[in-house]
Amino acid sequence: MRKTFMLIVVALSLFSLEAKGQQVAVKTNALYWLTTTPNLGVEVALGDKSTLSLNANYNPWTIGSDNQIKHWLVQPEYRYWLCGKFTRSFFGAHLLYGRYNVGGSNSPSTSFLHSPPIITRDGLPAWG
């Protein structure tokens, strides 16, 4: 019985000479979950040392009758890994786009990238 088991293990190991590395990663941010912000990310290998990631966050909650922390955002990111994909250090470039409406204010939701400046009484711009 033991010889048969060992023979099967050796035979199976001969057929698995080529191992494929990780190609896709699914990830989340635990700190966002602590603020009740559901989030999810997917990262896909493009080559031996590069990956493309897409993260998304969404928070639709209203606290009480007029306080809110509503927002959503999307973050695509390209990563160049120094050692190999999903291994150790990387250089990355990402874009961030989202909309938010925080607090009890009546101001409209504002895009992070295309926010028009709000002019204060002093004539100085303020960003919301």
Protein backbone atom coordinates (compact mmCIF):
# COMPACT_ATOMS: atom_id res chain seq x y z
CA MET A 1 0.00 0.00 0.00
CA ARG A 2 2.77 2.43 0.91
CA LYS A 3 4.75 1.61 -2.25
CA THR A 4 1.65 2.27 -4.36
CA PHE A 5 1.09 5.62 -2.67
CA MET A 6 4.73 6.66 -3.20
CA LEU A 7 4.58 5.57 -6.84
CA ILE A 8 1.46 7.71 -7.39
CA VAL A 9 3.10 10.74 -5.73
CA VAL A 10 6.25 10.38 -7.87
CA ALA A 11 4.21 9.91 -11.05
CA LEU A 12 2.10 13.01 -10.34
CA SER A 13 5.17 15.11 -9.54
CA LEU A 14 6.69 14.23 -12.94
CA PHE A 15 3.65 15.69 -14.69
CA SER A 16 3.86 18.97 -12.77
CA LEU A 17 7.28 20.18 -13.87
CA GLU A 18 6.04 23.63 -14.89
CA ALA A 19 4.46 25.73 -12.19
CA LYS A 20 2.44 28.83 -12.98
CA GLY A 21 2.75 31.80 -10.65
CA GLN A 22 -0.01 33.98 -9.35
CA GLN A 23 -1.96 35.73 -12.11
CA VAL A 24 -4.86 37.40 -10.25
CA ALA A 25 -5.18 38.86 -6.74
CA VAL A 26 -8.39 39.89 -4.99
CA LYS A 27 -7.82 42.37 -2.17
CA THR A 28 -9.55 44.64 0.32
CA ASN A 29 -8.60 47.38 2.80
CA ALA A 30 -9.41 46.45 6.41
CA LEU A 31 -9.19 50.05 7.67
CA TYR A 32 -11.92 51.12 5.24
CA TRP A 33 -14.14 48.34 6.59
CA LEU A 34 -13.63 49.79 10.10
CA THR A 35 -15.19 53.02 8.81
CA THR A 36 -18.09 50.98 7.32
CA THR A 37 -16.82 51.56 3.78
CA PRO A 38 -17.17 48.40 1.67
CA ASN A 39 -14.25 48.05 -0.75
CA LEU A 40 -12.79 45.54 -3.14
CA GLY A 41 -9.81 45.42 -5.47
CA VAL A 42 -8.63 43.15 -8.26
CA GLU A 43 -5.05 43.00 -9.54
CA VAL A 44 -4.14 41.17 -12.76
CA ALA A 45 -0.67 40.25 -13.98
CA LEU A 46 0.23 41.78 -17.35
CA GLY A 47 3.73 40.31 -17.65
CA ASP A 48 6.58 38.95 -15.57
CA LYS A 49 7.07 42.22 -13.66
CA SER A 50 3.92 44.29 -14.21
CA THR A 51 0.36 44.27 -12.91
CA LEU A 52 -2.80 46.34 -13.33
CA SER A 53 -5.06 46.93 -10.34
CA LEU A 54 -8.56 48.36 -9.95
CA ASN A 55 -9.89 49.26 -6.49
CA ALA A 56 -13.39 50.51 -5.68
CA ASN A 57 -14.92 51.91 -2.46
CA TYR A 58 -18.52 52.82 -1.70
CA ASN A 59 -20.11 54.29 1.42
CA PRO A 60 -23.84 55.16 1.15
CA TRP A 61 -24.57 55.65 4.86
CA THR A 62 -26.45 58.47 6.53
CA ILE A 63 -25.90 58.82 10.27
CA GLY A 64 -28.92 60.19 12.07
CA SER A 65 -31.26 62.54 10.25
CA ASP A 66 -28.76 64.93 8.61
CA ASN A 67 -25.17 63.68 9.08
CA GLN A 68 -23.65 61.64 6.30
CA ILE A 69 -20.35 60.26 5.07
CA LYS A 70 -21.45 59.29 1.58
CA HIS A 71 -18.76 58.72 -1.01
CA TRP A 72 -17.53 56.43 -3.75
CA LEU A 73 -14.19 56.19 -5.48
CA VAL A 74 -12.38 54.19 -8.13
CA GLN A 75 -8.60 53.80 -8.31
CA PRO A 76 -6.85 52.13 -11.26
CA GLU A 77 -3.13 51.49 -10.71
CA TYR A 78 -0.21 50.20 -12.78
CA ARG A 79 2.62 48.53 -10.85
CA TYR A 80 6.13 47.63 -12.03
CA TRP A 81 7.58 45.04 -9.65
CA LEU A 82 11.36 45.03 -9.09
CA CYS A 83 11.73 41.31 -8.33
CA GLY A 84 8.69 39.72 -9.95
CA LYS A 85 4.95 40.22 -10.01
CA PHE A 86 3.30 40.26 -6.57
CA THR A 87 6.75 40.02 -4.90
CA ARG A 88 8.40 42.59 -2.62
CA SER A 89 8.88 46.18 -3.86
CA PHE A 90 7.26 47.99 -6.79
CA PHE A 91 6.94 51.35 -8.48
CA GLY A 92 3.38 52.36 -9.19
CA ALA A 93 1.26 55.05 -10.77
CA HIS A 94 -2.42 55.42 -10.03
CA LEU A 95 -5.39 57.64 -10.78
CA LEU A 96 -8.14 58.40 -8.30
CA TYR A 97 -11.67 59.48 -9.10
CA GLY A 98 -14.60 59.76 -6.76
CA ARG A 99 -17.47 61.79 -5.43
CA TYR A 100 -18.35 62.65 -1.87
CA ASN A 101 -20.92 64.35 0.32
CA VAL A 102 -19.75 64.52 3.92
CA GLY A 103 -21.41 66.05 6.99
CA GLY A 104 -24.65 67.93 7.28
CA SER A 105 -23.76 70.47 4.60
CA ASN A 106 -26.03 71.26 1.67
CA SER A 107 -23.12 71.55 -0.79
CA PRO A 108 -23.40 69.29 -3.85
CA SER A 109 -21.16 66.28 -4.33
CA THR A 110 -17.84 67.27 -5.84
CA SER A 111 -15.42 65.38 -8.04
CA PHE A 112 -11.90 65.14 -6.60
CA LEU A 113 -10.30 65.91 -9.96
CA HIS A 114 -12.70 68.44 -11.47
CA SER A 115 -13.76 70.49 -8.45
CA PRO A 116 -14.53 74.10 -9.26
CA PRO A 117 -12.98 76.43 -6.68
CA ILE A 118 -15.29 77.90 -4.07
CA ILE A 119 -14.51 81.56 -3.47
CA THR A 120 -14.67 82.68 0.17
CA ARG A 121 -15.63 86.16 1.41
CA ASP A 122 -11.94 87.10 1.40
CA GLY A 123 -11.71 86.32 -2.30
CA LEU A 124 -9.47 83.27 -1.68
CA PRO A 125 -10.26 79.90 -3.20
CA ALA A 126 -11.36 77.07 -0.89
CA TRP A 127 -11.75 73.45 -1.97
CA GLY A 128 -14.63 71.27 -0.81
